Structures are given as C-alpha cells and as structure tokens.
C-alpha cells in the first residue's frame, strides 16, 4: 500500500490550495478515503472523508464551507480543495486509508 500526497505550500490568508493523494496497492475505488492534519504542537486531527463512490462527504466543523474533498477513481486520486485558508489551517496534511498514511504535505498559511 502506498499513499503519496502533493500540493502543499505557502499561501496567504484567504488563499487556496488543492492537495492531491495517489493511492496504490489496495482496492481504491471500493473504499472510503480520509484527510487528516497535524498542526504544530497539536494532535493529529481528522479533516474530511469521502465515500467510495464520491457521493458521501463529511468534514470537521472548522473547515465546512471552505474545504471540499473529491476523488477520481479512474486515476486512483483523492483531492482536498482548500479555499479561504486561515492561519489555523497551517499543518501537515495526510492522506489516510485504514492504518496506512502518506508522508504528508506541508501547508503554511501566512502573510
């Protein structure tokens, strides 16, 4: 199993980023996928989940209305579109499936 994230970076408050995660070695199109994040000095936090067919999504309250999780099963990719970024969104973002994690991608929101 391999999960590979990309798309992080430095962005100003109010800006946008799209994170991507490629999933290999497991039945990607038949399983829910998750995004988590770990902010400096804090515990890892669940951010969003998408159902196997992309129809069901859930978000932590702090990102509702700003973040959108999506997937493309033909490419075995899951995405996190992040709009209206706030300093509090600064974290390492991780793609997750069951007990497997990607290496993470750093998102820094700063002026």
Protein backbone atom coordinates (compact mmCIF):
# COMPACT_ATOMS: atom_id res chain seq x y z
CA UNK A 1 0.00 0.00 0.00
CA UNK A 2 1.27 3.44 -0.87
CA UNK A 3 -0.26 6.88 -0.41
CA UNK A 4 1.51 9.86 -1.95
CA UNK A 5 0.39 13.40 -1.22
CA UNK A 6 1.30 16.55 -3.11
CA UNK A 7 0.17 20.13 -3.50
CA UNK A 8 1.13 21.76 -0.24
CA UNK A 9 2.89 25.08 0.02
CA UNK A 10 2.90 28.59 1.41
CA UNK A 11 -0.23 30.67 0.87
CA UNK A 12 -1.55 33.94 2.22
CA UNK A 13 -4.65 34.04 4.42
CA UNK A 14 -7.72 33.84 2.25
CA UNK A 15 -5.88 31.93 -0.44
CA UNK A 16 -6.47 28.49 -1.90
CA UNK A 17 -4.59 25.25 -2.40
CA UNK A 18 -5.51 21.87 -3.79
CA UNK A 19 -3.95 18.80 -2.25
CA UNK A 20 -3.74 15.54 -4.15
CA UNK A 21 -3.20 11.98 -2.99
CA UNK A 22 -2.47 8.98 -5.16
CA UNK A 23 -3.36 5.59 -3.74
CA UNK A 24 -1.69 2.35 -4.80
CA UNK A 25 -1.84 -1.28 -3.77
CA UNK A 26 -5.37 -1.51 -2.36
CA UNK A 27 -8.93 -1.51 -3.74
CA UNK A 28 -9.08 2.27 -4.03
CA UNK A 29 -12.42 2.53 -5.83
CA UNK A 30 -14.16 0.36 -3.22
CA UNK A 31 -13.19 2.18 -0.07
CA UNK A 32 -13.66 5.46 1.78
CA UNK A 33 -10.72 7.83 1.89
CA UNK A 34 -9.72 10.41 4.51
CA UNK A 35 -7.66 13.52 5.01
CA UNK A 36 -6.12 14.32 8.38
CA UNK A 37 -3.83 17.10 9.52
CA UNK A 38 -1.37 17.76 12.32
CA UNK A 39 -0.82 21.35 13.34
CA UNK A 40 2.34 22.39 15.21
CA UNK A 41 2.10 21.28 18.82
CA UNK A 42 -1.26 19.59 18.36
CA UNK A 43 -2.63 16.09 17.94
CA UNK A 44 -3.47 14.75 14.52
CA UNK A 45 -6.99 15.81 13.54
CA UNK A 46 -9.45 14.27 11.12
CA UNK A 47 -10.40 16.75 8.39
CA UNK A 48 -12.62 15.06 5.82
CA UNK A 49 -13.89 11.73 4.50
CA UNK A 50 -15.29 10.76 1.13
CA UNK A 51 -17.27 7.65 0.35
CA UNK A 52 -16.04 5.07 -2.11
CA UNK A 53 -18.25 6.43 -4.89
CA UNK A 54 -17.72 10.07 -4.07
CA UNK A 55 -21.33 10.64 -3.08
CA UNK A 56 -20.91 10.95 0.68
CA UNK A 57 -18.64 13.52 2.26
CA UNK A 58 -18.05 14.65 5.83
CA UNK A 59 -15.95 17.45 7.28
CA UNK A 60 -14.72 18.66 10.62
CA UNK A 61 -16.74 21.73 11.58
CA UNK A 62 -13.79 24.10 11.31
CA UNK A 63 -13.43 23.55 7.54
CA UNK A 64 -17.05 23.20 6.48
CA UNK A 65 -17.88 25.57 3.66
CA UNK A 66 -14.21 26.16 2.88
CA UNK A 67 -12.77 22.71 2.04
CA UNK A 68 -14.05 20.21 -0.49
CA UNK A 69 -12.96 16.58 -0.72
CA UNK A 70 -13.27 14.84 -4.07
CA UNK A 71 -11.98 11.75 -5.81
CA UNK A 72 -11.32 10.31 -9.24
CA UNK A 73 -11.45 6.53 -9.06
CA UNK A 74 -10.23 6.15 -12.64
CA UNK A 75 -6.96 7.80 -11.59
CA UNK A 76 -6.95 6.46 -8.02
CA UNK A 77 -6.70 10.02 -6.73
CA UNK A 78 -8.32 11.86 -3.86
CA UNK A 79 -8.22 15.64 -3.57
CA UNK A 80 -8.73 18.31 -0.95
CA UNK A 81 -9.64 21.72 -2.34
CA UNK A 82 -8.96 24.30 0.35
CA UNK A 83 -10.38 27.79 -0.05
CA UNK A 84 -10.48 30.69 2.36
CA UNK A 85 -7.39 29.41 4.12
CA UNK A 86 -6.76 30.65 7.64
CA UNK A 87 -3.57 30.69 9.73
CA UNK A 88 -5.15 27.98 11.86
CA UNK A 89 -5.13 25.67 8.82
CA UNK A 90 -1.33 25.55 8.93
CA UNK A 91 -0.44 21.87 9.34
CA UNK A 92 0.98 18.81 7.71
CA UNK A 93 -1.85 17.19 5.78
CA UNK A 94 -2.05 13.43 5.45
CA UNK A 95 -3.99 11.13 3.20
CA UNK A 96 -5.32 8.06 5.02
CA UNK A 97 -6.78 4.65 4.33
CA UNK A 98 -7.31 2.26 7.26
CA UNK A 99 -3.94 2.06 9.06
CA UNK A 100 -1.97 3.49 6.16
CA UNK A 101 -0.70 7.05 5.88
CA UNK A 102 1.10 9.10 3.31
CA UNK A 103 4.26 11.05 4.06
CA UNK A 104 2.30 14.25 4.44
CA UNK A 105 2.41 17.59 2.68
CA UNK A 106 3.05 20.87 4.48
CA UNK A 107 0.50 23.66 4.24
CA UNK A 108 1.55 27.01 5.67
CA UNK A 109 -0.85 29.93 5.78
CA UNK A 110 0.99 33.14 6.47
CA UNK A 111 1.27 36.70 5.25
